[in-house]
Amino acid sequence: MGAEAKPADEIPMEEEVDSLLEAARYDDLDDLKGLESGGISLDAKDSQGRTALHMAAANGHHGIVEYLISKGVVRRCSPVFTVLQGGGADSVEFICNMALDAMYMFIVVLVVLSDHVLRVFRDLGKDLNALNEEKNSPLHWACLNGHVQVVKTLILAGANVSVLNSHERTPIDEALSRGKMDVIDAINEAVAQVELTQARVS
């Protein structure tokens, strides 16, 4: 018999959060999905502020990272997100026009699928730039440990490459501190790809 889903506003037990982080740490996607279906939020934090994304990124588990992003972490490839990153009056006009065009459809969807829509909106709150107690993001850990593919995926999904941790180091600084030049190349490549996407939208 499957586990019953917990109410959205219920705070997960410490043991459940630890199990979620362990599943991400040891690349156990089936276990992670099982905990998710049991009602554990995929962006739950432990007592040190770590998330499943922290653990997967730190250990180079690209499949887990991709799954977590696919389940609601804000994506840089979203047109609205990309335009907002570019800023400017043209961006505001673009968003307003898009919002007007979509308003009627949005209302219909909200009425017909209100529970589903609210759940999706809640999931979009998952933060791939979440900081632990030392203000390290998942990208900090991926860079520190030299996980090139994870680094690329996080940046393309919207990870902040300039966020400072408690030691006033960016993810790039962490890569440099370990001599991970392949990571630096990956960061430059991913950032260039993001900037090209932004230029095409604007």
N, C-alpha and C. Protein backbone atom coordinates (compact mmCIF):
# COMPACT_ATOMS: atom_id res chain seq x y z
N MET A 1 0.84 -1.19 0.00
CA MET A 1 0.00 0.00 0.00
C MET A 1 0.88 1.24 0.00
N GLY A 2 0.62 2.17 -0.88
CA GLY A 2 1.46 3.36 -1.01
C GLY A 2 1.28 4.33 0.14
N ALA A 3 2.31 5.15 0.37
CA ALA A 3 2.23 6.14 1.44
C ALA A 3 1.28 7.25 1.06
N GLU A 4 0.52 7.73 2.03
CA GLU A 4 -0.41 8.83 1.77
C GLU A 4 0.36 10.14 1.70
N ALA A 5 -0.05 10.98 0.77
CA ALA A 5 0.60 12.29 0.62
C ALA A 5 0.30 13.16 1.82
N LYS A 6 1.30 13.91 2.24
CA LYS A 6 1.15 14.79 3.38
C LYS A 6 0.62 16.13 2.91
N PRO A 7 -0.09 16.85 3.79
CA PRO A 7 -0.56 18.19 3.41
C PRO A 7 0.61 19.07 3.03
N ALA A 8 0.37 19.99 2.05
CA ALA A 8 1.45 20.83 1.53
C ALA A 8 2.10 21.67 2.60
N ASP A 9 1.32 22.06 3.63
CA ASP A 9 1.86 22.96 4.64
C ASP A 9 2.46 22.22 5.82
N GLU A 10 2.50 20.88 5.74
CA GLU A 10 3.08 20.12 6.84
C GLU A 10 4.59 20.11 6.73
N ILE A 11 5.29 20.39 7.82
CA ILE A 11 6.74 20.40 7.82
C ILE A 11 7.25 18.97 7.88
N PRO A 12 8.09 18.54 6.91
CA PRO A 12 8.56 17.16 6.90
C PRO A 12 9.43 16.86 8.12
N MET A 13 9.37 15.61 8.57
CA MET A 13 10.17 15.18 9.71
C MET A 13 11.65 15.19 9.31
N GLU A 14 12.50 15.43 10.30
CA GLU A 14 13.93 15.51 10.04
C GLU A 14 14.45 14.24 9.39
N GLU A 15 13.94 13.09 9.84
CA GLU A 15 14.39 11.81 9.28
C GLU A 15 14.04 11.69 7.80
N GLU A 16 12.87 12.20 7.44
CA GLU A 16 12.43 12.12 6.05
C GLU A 16 13.30 13.01 5.16
N VAL A 17 13.63 14.20 5.67
CA VAL A 17 14.50 15.10 4.91
C VAL A 17 15.88 14.47 4.75
N ASP A 18 16.38 13.87 5.82
CA ASP A 18 17.67 13.20 5.75
C ASP A 18 17.66 12.08 4.72
N SER A 19 16.55 11.33 4.66
CA SER A 19 16.43 10.25 3.68
C SER A 19 16.43 10.81 2.26
N LEU A 20 15.76 11.94 2.06
CA LEU A 20 15.73 12.58 0.75
C LEU A 20 17.13 12.98 0.33
N LEU A 21 17.86 13.61 1.23
CA LEU A 21 19.22 14.05 0.91
C LEU A 21 20.16 12.87 0.68
N GLU A 22 19.95 11.78 1.44
CA GLU A 22 20.77 10.59 1.24
C GLU A 22 20.52 9.98 -0.14
N ALA A 23 19.25 9.97 -0.55
CA ALA A 23 18.92 9.43 -1.87
C ALA A 23 19.61 10.24 -2.96
N ALA A 24 19.62 11.56 -2.82
CA ALA A 24 20.29 12.42 -3.80
C ALA A 24 21.80 12.24 -3.74
N ARG A 25 22.32 12.09 -2.56
CA ARG A 25 23.77 11.93 -2.38
C ARG A 25 24.30 10.65 -3.01
N TYR A 26 23.50 9.58 -2.89
CA TYR A 26 23.95 8.27 -3.37
C TYR A 26 23.32 7.87 -4.70
N ASP A 27 22.74 8.84 -5.41
CA ASP A 27 22.22 8.62 -6.76
C ASP A 27 21.12 7.56 -6.80
N ASP A 28 20.24 7.60 -5.81
CA ASP A 28 19.14 6.64 -5.74
C ASP A 28 17.85 7.33 -6.18
N LEU A 29 17.64 7.38 -7.49
CA LEU A 29 16.49 8.09 -8.03
C LEU A 29 15.17 7.43 -7.63
N ASP A 30 15.14 6.11 -7.58
CA ASP A 30 13.90 5.41 -7.19
C ASP A 30 13.49 5.78 -5.77
N ASP A 31 14.47 5.80 -4.87
CA ASP A 31 14.17 6.16 -3.48
C ASP A 31 13.71 7.61 -3.39
N LEU A 32 14.36 8.49 -4.15
CA LEU A 32 13.99 9.90 -4.14
C LEU A 32 12.55 10.08 -4.65
N LYS A 33 12.20 9.37 -5.72
CA LYS A 33 10.84 9.45 -6.25
C LYS A 33 9.83 8.91 -5.24
N GLY A 34 10.22 7.85 -4.54
CA GLY A 34 9.33 7.28 -3.53
C GLY A 34 9.05 8.26 -2.41
N LEU A 35 10.07 8.97 -1.96
CA LEU A 35 9.90 9.97 -0.92
C LEU A 35 9.05 11.13 -1.42
N GLU A 36 9.27 11.49 -2.68
CA GLU A 36 8.47 12.56 -3.28
C GLU A 36 6.99 12.17 -3.33
N SER A 37 6.71 10.94 -3.76
CA SER A 37 5.33 10.49 -3.85
C SER A 37 4.69 10.38 -2.47
N GLY A 38 5.52 10.23 -1.45
CA GLY A 38 5.02 10.20 -0.08
C GLY A 38 4.75 11.57 0.50
N GLY A 39 5.03 12.62 -0.29
CA GLY A 39 4.68 13.96 0.13
C GLY A 39 5.83 14.84 0.58
N ILE A 40 7.07 14.35 0.46
CA ILE A 40 8.22 15.16 0.86
C ILE A 40 8.56 16.15 -0.25
N SER A 41 8.68 17.42 0.11
CA SER A 41 9.04 18.45 -0.87
C SER A 41 10.47 18.25 -1.32
N LEU A 42 10.69 18.31 -2.63
CA LEU A 42 12.03 18.09 -3.17
C LEU A 42 13.00 19.22 -2.83
N ASP A 43 12.48 20.36 -2.37
CA ASP A 43 13.38 21.44 -1.97
C ASP A 43 13.49 21.57 -0.46
N ALA A 44 13.10 20.53 0.25
CA ALA A 44 13.22 20.53 1.71
C ALA A 44 14.69 20.68 2.12
N LYS A 45 14.91 21.39 3.22
CA LYS A 45 16.27 21.62 3.72
C LYS A 45 16.48 20.89 5.05
N ASP A 46 17.71 20.43 5.26
CA ASP A 46 18.04 19.84 6.56
C ASP A 46 18.48 20.93 7.52
N SER A 47 18.96 20.55 8.69
CA SER A 47 19.32 21.52 9.73
C SER A 47 20.49 22.40 9.32
N GLN A 48 21.25 21.98 8.30
CA GLN A 48 22.38 22.77 7.81
C GLN A 48 22.03 23.56 6.55
N GLY A 49 20.75 23.55 6.17
CA GLY A 49 20.32 24.30 5.01
C GLY A 49 20.58 23.61 3.68
N ARG A 50 20.97 22.35 3.72
CA ARG A 50 21.27 21.62 2.48
C ARG A 50 20.00 21.05 1.87
N THR A 51 19.96 21.02 0.54
CA THR A 51 18.84 20.45 -0.20
C THR A 51 19.32 19.22 -0.97
N ALA A 52 18.34 18.52 -1.55
CA ALA A 52 18.69 17.37 -2.39
C ALA A 52 19.56 17.82 -3.57
N LEU A 53 19.29 19.02 -4.07
CA LEU A 53 20.08 19.53 -5.19
C LEU A 53 21.52 19.78 -4.77
N HIS A 54 21.73 20.26 -3.56
CA HIS A 54 23.10 20.40 -3.04
C HIS A 54 23.84 19.07 -3.11
N MET A 55 23.17 18.02 -2.60
CA MET A 55 23.83 16.73 -2.48
C MET A 55 24.11 16.11 -3.85
N ALA A 56 23.14 16.21 -4.75
CA ALA A 56 23.33 15.66 -6.09
C ALA A 56 24.42 16.41 -6.84
N ALA A 57 24.42 17.74 -6.73
CA ALA A 57 25.43 18.55 -7.42
C ALA A 57 26.82 18.28 -6.86
N ALA A 58 26.93 18.17 -5.56
CA ALA A 58 28.23 17.96 -4.91
C ALA A 58 28.86 16.63 -5.33
N ASN A 59 28.00 15.64 -5.62
CA ASN A 59 28.49 14.31 -5.93
C ASN A 59 28.43 13.97 -7.41
N GLY A 60 28.05 14.96 -8.23
CA GLY A 60 28.10 14.76 -9.67
C GLY A 60 27.03 13.86 -10.25
N HIS A 61 25.89 13.76 -9.57
CA HIS A 61 24.82 12.89 -10.04
C HIS A 61 23.91 13.66 -11.00
N HIS A 62 24.33 13.68 -12.25
CA HIS A 62 23.66 14.51 -13.25
C HIS A 62 22.21 14.13 -13.45
N GLY A 63 21.90 12.84 -13.40
CA GLY A 63 20.52 12.40 -13.57
C GLY A 63 19.60 12.93 -12.49
N ILE A 64 20.08 12.92 -11.25
CA ILE A 64 19.29 13.45 -10.13
C ILE A 64 19.11 14.95 -10.30
N VAL A 65 20.18 15.65 -10.68
CA VAL A 65 20.11 17.10 -10.88
C VAL A 65 19.06 17.42 -11.94
N GLU A 66 19.10 16.71 -13.06
CA GLU A 66 18.13 16.95 -14.12
C GLU A 66 16.70 16.67 -13.65
N TYR A 67 16.54 15.61 -12.87
CA TYR A 67 15.20 15.27 -12.38
C TYR A 67 14.68 16.37 -11.46
N LEU A 68 15.49 16.84 -10.55
CA LEU A 68 15.06 17.88 -9.63
C LEU A 68 14.68 19.15 -10.37
N ILE A 69 15.47 19.51 -11.37
CA ILE A 69 15.15 20.69 -12.17
C ILE A 69 13.84 20.49 -12.92
N SER A 70 13.65 19.29 -13.47
CA SER A 70 12.43 19.02 -14.24
C SER A 70 11.18 19.04 -13.38
N LYS A 71 11.36 18.88 -12.09
CA LYS A 71 10.21 18.83 -11.18
C LYS A 71 9.86 20.19 -10.59
N GLY A 72 10.43 21.25 -11.14
CA GLY A 72 9.93 22.54 -10.71
C GLY A 72 10.92 23.63 -10.41
N VAL A 73 12.21 23.34 -10.44
CA VAL A 73 13.17 24.41 -10.22
C VAL A 73 13.05 25.39 -11.37
N VAL A 74 13.09 26.71 -11.05
CA VAL A 74 12.93 27.75 -12.08
C VAL A 74 13.97 27.57 -13.17
N ARG A 75 13.54 27.60 -14.42
CA ARG A 75 14.42 27.35 -15.54
C ARG A 75 14.78 28.65 -16.27
N ARG A 76 16.05 28.81 -16.61
CA ARG A 76 16.49 29.97 -17.37
C ARG A 76 15.93 29.93 -18.78
N CYS A 77 15.57 28.75 -19.30
CA CYS A 77 15.07 28.68 -20.67
C CYS A 77 13.64 29.17 -20.77
N SER A 78 12.99 29.44 -19.65
CA SER A 78 11.67 30.04 -19.70
C SER A 78 11.76 31.41 -20.34
N PRO A 79 10.92 31.73 -21.35
CA PRO A 79 11.01 33.04 -22.03
C PRO A 79 10.87 34.21 -21.07
N VAL A 80 9.92 34.12 -20.14
CA VAL A 80 9.73 35.23 -19.21
C VAL A 80 10.96 35.42 -18.34
N PHE A 81 11.52 34.30 -17.85
CA PHE A 81 12.71 34.40 -17.00
C PHE A 81 13.86 35.01 -17.78
N THR A 82 14.04 34.57 -19.01
CA THR A 82 15.14 35.09 -19.82
C THR A 82 15.00 36.58 -20.08
N VAL A 83 13.78 37.02 -20.40
CA VAL A 83 13.55 38.44 -20.67
C VAL A 83 13.78 39.26 -19.42
N LEU A 84 13.31 38.77 -18.29
CA LEU A 84 13.51 39.50 -17.04
C LEU A 84 14.98 39.67 -16.74
N GLN A 85 15.79 38.65 -17.05
CA GLN A 85 17.22 38.75 -16.81
C GLN A 85 17.83 39.84 -17.67
N GLY A 86 17.28 40.05 -18.89
CA GLY A 86 17.81 41.08 -19.77
C GLY A 86 17.45 42.48 -19.31
N GLY A 87 16.25 42.63 -18.71
CA GLY A 87 15.81 43.93 -18.20
C GLY A 87 15.48 44.91 -19.31
N GLY A 88 15.11 46.14 -18.92
CA GLY A 88 14.86 47.19 -19.89
C GLY A 88 13.41 47.34 -20.26
N ALA A 89 13.10 48.49 -20.89
CA ALA A 89 11.72 48.81 -21.24
C ALA A 89 11.15 47.83 -22.24
N ASP A 90 11.97 47.39 -23.20
CA ASP A 90 11.50 46.43 -24.20
C ASP A 90 11.06 45.13 -23.54
N SER A 91 11.80 44.75 -22.51
CA SER A 91 11.45 43.53 -21.79
C SER A 91 10.09 43.67 -21.11
N VAL A 92 9.85 44.82 -20.49
CA VAL A 92 8.58 45.06 -19.82
C VAL A 92 7.43 45.03 -20.82
N GLU A 93 7.63 45.68 -21.96
CA GLU A 93 6.59 45.70 -22.99
C GLU A 93 6.31 44.29 -23.51
N PHE A 94 7.35 43.52 -23.72
CA PHE A 94 7.19 42.15 -24.19
C PHE A 94 6.37 41.33 -23.22
N ILE A 95 6.70 41.45 -21.92
CA ILE A 95 5.99 40.67 -20.91
C ILE A 95 4.53 41.10 -20.81
N CYS A 96 4.28 42.41 -20.88
CA CYS A 96 2.90 42.91 -20.80
C CYS A 96 2.06 42.39 -21.97
N ASN A 97 2.62 42.44 -23.16
CA ASN A 97 1.89 41.94 -24.33
C ASN A 97 1.62 40.45 -24.21
N MET A 98 2.61 39.71 -23.76
CA MET A 98 2.44 38.29 -23.62
C MET A 98 1.39 37.97 -22.55
N ALA A 99 1.40 38.77 -21.48
CA ALA A 99 0.44 38.55 -20.41
C ALA A 99 -0.99 38.81 -20.88
N LEU A 100 -1.19 39.88 -21.67
CA LEU A 100 -2.53 40.19 -22.18
C LEU A 100 -3.03 39.09 -23.10
N ASP A 101 -2.15 38.61 -23.98
CA ASP A 101 -2.53 37.54 -24.91
C ASP A 101 -2.91 36.26 -24.17
N ALA A 102 -2.24 36.00 -23.07
CA ALA A 102 -2.45 34.74 -22.36
C ALA A 102 -3.49 34.81 -21.26
N MET A 103 -4.00 36.01 -20.95
CA MET A 103 -4.85 36.18 -19.77
C MET A 103 -6.09 35.30 -19.81
N TYR A 104 -6.78 35.32 -20.93
CA TYR A 104 -8.02 34.55 -21.02
C TYR A 104 -7.75 33.06 -20.83
N MET A 105 -6.73 32.55 -21.51
CA MET A 105 -6.39 31.13 -21.38
C MET A 105 -6.00 30.79 -19.95
N PHE A 106 -5.29 31.70 -19.32
CA PHE A 106 -4.86 31.47 -17.95
C PHE A 106 -6.05 31.33 -17.02
N ILE A 107 -7.04 32.20 -17.19
CA ILE A 107 -8.22 32.15 -16.34
C ILE A 107 -8.96 30.83 -16.51
N VAL A 108 -9.08 30.39 -17.77
CA VAL A 108 -9.75 29.12 -18.02
C VAL A 108 -9.01 27.98 -17.34
N VAL A 109 -7.70 27.96 -17.50
CA VAL A 109 -6.90 26.91 -16.88
C VAL A 109 -7.01 26.95 -15.37
N LEU A 110 -6.98 28.16 -14.82
CA LEU A 110 -7.06 28.31 -13.37
C LEU A 110 -8.37 27.77 -12.82
N VAL A 111 -9.46 28.00 -13.54
CA VAL A 111 -10.77 27.52 -13.10
C VAL A 111 -10.88 26.01 -13.24
N VAL A 112 -10.47 25.50 -14.40
CA VAL A 112 -10.64 24.08 -14.69
C VAL A 112 -9.66 23.21 -13.91
N LEU A 113 -8.44 23.70 -13.77
CA LEU A 113 -7.40 22.89 -13.14
C LEU A 113 -6.79 23.59 -11.93
N SER A 114 -7.63 24.19 -11.13
CA SER A 114 -7.14 25.05 -10.06
C SER A 114 -6.18 24.32 -9.11
N ASP A 115 -6.51 23.11 -8.71
CA ASP A 115 -5.63 22.39 -7.79
C ASP A 115 -4.28 22.11 -8.43
N HIS A 116 -4.33 21.68 -9.69
CA HIS A 116 -3.08 21.37 -10.39
C HIS A 116 -2.23 22.62 -10.58
N VAL A 117 -2.86 23.70 -10.98
CA VAL A 117 -2.14 24.96 -11.21
C VAL A 117 -1.47 25.45 -9.93
N LEU A 118 -2.19 25.39 -8.84
CA LEU A 118 -1.62 25.85 -7.58
C LEU A 118 -0.44 24.98 -7.18
N ARG A 119 -0.55 23.68 -7.45
CA ARG A 119 0.56 22.79 -7.11
C ARG A 119 1.78 23.11 -7.96
N VAL A 120 1.55 23.39 -9.26
CA VAL A 120 2.66 23.75 -10.15
C VAL A 120 3.31 25.05 -9.69
N PHE A 121 2.49 26.06 -9.35
CA PHE A 121 3.05 27.32 -8.87
C PHE A 121 3.88 27.13 -7.61
N ARG A 122 3.39 26.25 -6.72
CA ARG A 122 4.14 25.99 -5.50
C ARG A 122 5.47 25.33 -5.83
N ASP A 123 5.44 24.39 -6.81
CA ASP A 123 6.67 23.70 -7.20
C ASP A 123 7.68 24.67 -7.81
N LEU A 124 7.19 25.72 -8.50
CA LEU A 124 8.11 26.67 -9.11
C LEU A 124 8.92 27.44 -8.08
N GLY A 125 8.52 27.33 -6.80
CA GLY A 125 9.27 28.00 -5.76
C GLY A 125 10.57 27.31 -5.41
N LYS A 126 10.74 26.08 -5.91
CA LYS A 126 11.99 25.37 -5.64
C LYS A 126 13.13 26.22 -6.18
N ASP A 127 14.18 26.31 -5.39
CA ASP A 127 15.23 27.28 -5.70
C ASP A 127 16.55 26.59 -5.97
N LEU A 128 17.00 26.60 -7.23
CA LEU A 128 18.28 25.97 -7.51
C LEU A 128 19.44 26.83 -7.03
N ASN A 129 19.16 28.03 -6.51
CA ASN A 129 20.19 28.86 -5.89
C ASN A 129 20.08 28.83 -4.36
N ALA A 130 19.43 27.81 -3.83
CA ALA A 130 19.29 27.69 -2.38
C ALA A 130 20.66 27.67 -1.72
N LEU A 131 20.76 28.34 -0.57
CA LEU A 131 22.03 28.44 0.14
C LEU A 131 21.97 27.64 1.44
N ASN A 132 23.06 26.93 1.73
CA ASN A 132 23.13 26.24 3.01
C ASN A 132 23.61 27.22 4.09
N GLU A 133 23.91 26.72 5.26
CA GLU A 133 24.26 27.63 6.36
C GLU A 133 25.57 28.37 6.11
N GLU A 134 26.40 27.87 5.22
CA GLU A 134 27.63 28.57 4.85
C GLU A 134 27.46 29.37 3.55
N LYS A 135 26.20 29.51 3.14
CA LYS A 135 25.82 30.27 1.94
C LYS A 135 26.38 29.68 0.65
N ASN A 136 26.61 28.37 0.66
CA ASN A 136 27.01 27.68 -0.57
C ASN A 136 25.77 27.25 -1.33
N SER A 137 25.76 27.51 -2.63
CA SER A 137 24.70 27.04 -3.50
C SER A 137 25.10 25.67 -4.06
N PRO A 138 24.15 24.96 -4.69
CA PRO A 138 24.53 23.71 -5.36
C PRO A 138 25.65 23.93 -6.39
N LEU A 139 25.63 25.08 -7.06
CA LEU A 139 26.67 25.36 -8.05
C LEU A 139 28.04 25.50 -7.40
N HIS A 140 28.10 26.10 -6.21
CA HIS A 140 29.37 26.17 -5.48
C HIS A 140 29.97 24.76 -5.33
N TRP A 141 29.14 23.82 -4.89
CA TRP A 141 29.64 22.47 -4.62
C TRP A 141 30.00 21.73 -5.89
N ALA A 142 29.21 21.92 -6.93
CA ALA A 142 29.52 21.26 -8.21
C ALA A 142 30.86 21.76 -8.75
N CYS A 143 31.09 23.07 -8.65
CA CYS A 143 32.35 23.65 -9.11
C CYS A 143 33.53 23.18 -8.25
N LEU A 144 33.33 23.17 -6.95
CA LEU A 144 34.39 22.76 -6.03
C LEU A 144 34.86 21.34 -6.30
N ASN A 145 33.90 20.47 -6.65
CA ASN A 145 34.22 19.06 -6.85
C ASN A 145 34.45 18.68 -8.32
N GLY A 146 34.39 19.67 -9.21
CA GLY A 146 34.78 19.43 -10.59
C GLY A 146 33.79 18.66 -11.45
N HIS A 147 32.49 18.81 -11.17
CA HIS A 147 31.49 18.08 -11.94
C HIS A 147 31.01 18.93 -13.12
N VAL A 148 31.70 18.81 -14.22
CA VAL A 148 31.51 19.68 -15.38
C VAL A 148 30.09 19.67 -15.92
N GLN A 149 29.53 18.48 -16.14
CA GLN A 149 28.20 18.39 -16.74
C GLN A 149 27.13 18.98 -15.82
N VAL A 150 27.28 18.74 -14.54
CA VAL A 150 26.35 19.31 -13.56
C VAL A 150 26.44 20.83 -13.56
N VAL A 151 27.65 21.34 -13.62
CA VAL A 151 27.87 22.79 -13.66
C VAL A 151 27.14 23.40 -14.85
N LYS A 152 27.31 22.82 -16.02
CA LYS A 152 26.64 23.32 -17.22
C LYS A 152 25.12 23.30 -17.06
N THR A 153 24.61 22.19 -16.58
CA THR A 153 23.16 22.04 -16.43
C THR A 153 22.59 23.06 -15.46
N LEU A 154 23.26 23.27 -14.35
CA LEU A 154 22.78 24.24 -13.36
C LEU A 154 22.76 25.66 -13.93
N ILE A 155 23.82 26.04 -14.63
CA ILE A 155 23.89 27.39 -15.18
C ILE A 155 22.82 27.60 -16.25
N LEU A 156 22.64 26.62 -17.11
CA LEU A 156 21.63 26.73 -18.16
C LEU A 156 20.22 26.78 -17.57
N ALA A 157 20.06 26.20 -16.39
CA ALA A 157 18.76 26.23 -15.72
C ALA A 157 18.53 27.51 -14.94
N GLY A 158 19.57 28.33 -14.78
CA GLY A 158 19.41 29.61 -14.10
C GLY A 158 20.23 29.82 -12.85
N ALA A 159 21.18 28.93 -12.57
CA ALA A 159 22.01 29.10 -11.37
C ALA A 159 22.84 30.37 -11.47
N ASN A 160 23.00 31.03 -10.35
CA ASN A 160 23.74 32.29 -10.25
C ASN A 160 25.23 32.00 -10.12
N VAL A 161 26.03 32.46 -11.10
CA VAL A 161 27.46 32.19 -11.08
C VAL A 161 28.23 33.18 -10.22
N SER A 162 27.57 34.22 -9.74
CA SER A 162 28.28 35.27 -8.99
C SER A 162 27.88 35.36 -7.52
N VAL A 163 27.05 34.44 -7.05
CA VAL A 163 26.63 34.49 -5.66
C VAL A 163 27.82 34.19 -4.73
N LEU A 164 27.91 34.93 -3.63
CA LEU A 164 29.02 34.77 -2.69
C LEU A 164 28.62 33.89 -1.52
N ASN A 165 29.52 32.99 -1.12
CA ASN A 165 29.27 32.22 0.09
C ASN A 165 29.83 32.96 1.30
N SER A 166 29.81 32.32 2.46
CA SER A 166 30.24 33.00 3.68
C SER A 166 31.73 33.31 3.68
N HIS A 167 32.48 32.69 2.77
CA HIS A 167 33.92 32.98 2.63
C HIS A 167 34.16 33.99 1.51
N GLU A 168 33.06 34.60 1.05
CA GLU A 168 33.10 35.60 -0.03
C GLU A 168 33.71 35.03 -1.31
N ARG A 169 33.34 33.78 -1.60
CA ARG A 169 33.79 33.14 -2.82
C ARG A 169 32.60 32.83 -3.72
N THR A 170 32.76 33.08 -5.01
CA THR A 170 31.76 32.68 -5.99
C THR A 170 32.02 31.22 -6.39
N PRO A 171 31.09 30.60 -7.11
CA PRO A 171 31.37 29.26 -7.64
C PRO A 171 32.63 29.22 -8.49
N ILE A 172 32.87 30.29 -9.26
CA ILE A 172 34.09 30.35 -10.07
C ILE A 172 35.33 30.34 -9.18
N ASP A 173 35.28 31.10 -8.08
CA ASP A 173 36.41 31.12 -7.15
C ASP A 173 36.70 29.73 -6.60
N GLU A 174 35.64 28.98 -6.31
CA GLU A 174 35.82 27.63 -5.76
C GLU A 174 36.50 26.72 -6.78
N ALA A 175 36.10 26.85 -8.04
CA ALA A 175 36.74 26.04 -9.07
C ALA A 175 38.22 26.41 -9.21
N LEU A 176 38.52 27.71 -9.20
CA LEU A 176 39.90 28.17 -9.31
C LEU A 176 40.74 27.70 -8.13
N SER A 177 40.14 27.67 -6.94
CA SER A 177 40.89 27.26 -5.74
C SER A 177 41.36 25.81 -5.83
N ARG A 178 40.67 25.01 -6.63
CA ARG A 178 41.05 23.61 -6.80
C ARG A 178 41.73 23.35 -8.16
N GLY A 179 41.98 24.42 -8.90
CA GLY A 179 42.63 24.26 -10.20
C GLY A 179 41.78 23.54 -11.22
N LYS A 180 40.47 23.68 -11.11
CA LYS A 180 39.54 22.99 -12.02
C LYS A 180 39.31 23.83 -13.27
N MET A 181 40.28 23.84 -14.15
CA MET A 181 40.17 24.67 -15.33
C MET A 181 39.12 24.17 -16.31
N ASP A 182 38.84 22.85 -16.28
CA ASP A 182 37.77 22.33 -17.13
C ASP A 182 36.42 22.86 -16.68
N VAL A 183 36.28 23.10 -15.37
CA VAL A 183 35.05 23.69 -14.84
C VAL A 183 34.93 25.15 -15.28
N ILE A 184 36.03 25.88 -15.24
CA ILE A 184 36.02 27.27 -15.70
C ILE A 184 35.61 27.34 -17.17
N ASP A 185 36.14 26.43 -17.98
CA ASP A 185 35.75 26.38 -19.39
C ASP A 185 34.26 26.09 -19.53
N ALA A 186 33.75 25.19 -18.69
CA ALA A 186 32.33 24.84 -18.74
C ALA A 186 31.46 26.02 -18.34
N ILE A 187 31.89 26.75 -17.34
CA ILE A 187 31.15 27.94 -16.90
C ILE A 187 31.11 28.97 -18.03
N ASN A 188 32.26 29.24 -18.63
CA ASN A 188 32.30 30.23 -19.72
C ASN A 188 31.42 29.81 -20.89
N GLU A 189 31.44 28.53 -21.21
CA GLU A 189 30.61 28.02 -22.31
C GLU A 189 29.13 28.16 -22.01
N ALA A 190 28.74 27.78 -20.79
CA ALA A 190 27.32 27.84 -20.40
C ALA A 190 26.83 29.28 -20.31
N VAL A 191 27.64 30.15 -19.74
CA VAL A 191 27.26 31.56 -19.63
C VAL A 191 27.11 32.18 -21.02
N ALA A 192 28.01 31.85 -21.92
CA ALA A 192 27.92 32.36 -23.29
C ALA A 192 26.64 31.88 -23.97
N GLN A 193 26.27 30.63 -23.71
CA GLN A 193 25.04 30.09 -24.28
C GLN A 193 23.81 30.80 -23.74
N VAL A 194 23.82 31.08 -22.43
CA VAL A 194 22.72 31.82 -21.82
C VAL A 194 22.62 33.22 -22.40
N GLU A 195 23.75 33.90 -22.54
CA GLU A 195 23.75 35.26 -23.08
C GLU A 195 23.26 35.27 -24.53
N LEU A 196 23.61 34.25 -25.30
CA LEU A 196 23.14 34.16 -26.68
C LEU A 196 21.64 33.98 -26.72
N THR A 197 21.11 33.15 -25.82
CA THR A 197 19.66 32.95 -25.74
C THR A 197 18.96 34.25 -25.39
N GLN A 198 19.52 34.99 -24.44
CA GLN A 198 18.94 36.28 -24.05
C GLN A 198 18.93 37.25 -25.22
N ALA A 199 20.02 37.27 -25.98
CA ALA A 199 20.11 38.19 -27.12
C ALA A 199 19.06 37.86 -28.17
N ARG A 200 18.79 36.59 -28.37
CA ARG A 200 17.80 36.18 -29.36
C ARG A 200 16.40 36.58 -28.95
N VAL A 201 16.11 36.48 -27.65
CA VAL A 201 14.78 36.85 -27.15
C VAL A 201 14.57 38.34 -27.20
N SER A 202 15.59 39.10 -26.81
CA SER A 202 15.46 40.56 -26.78
C SER A 202 15.59 41.17 -28.17
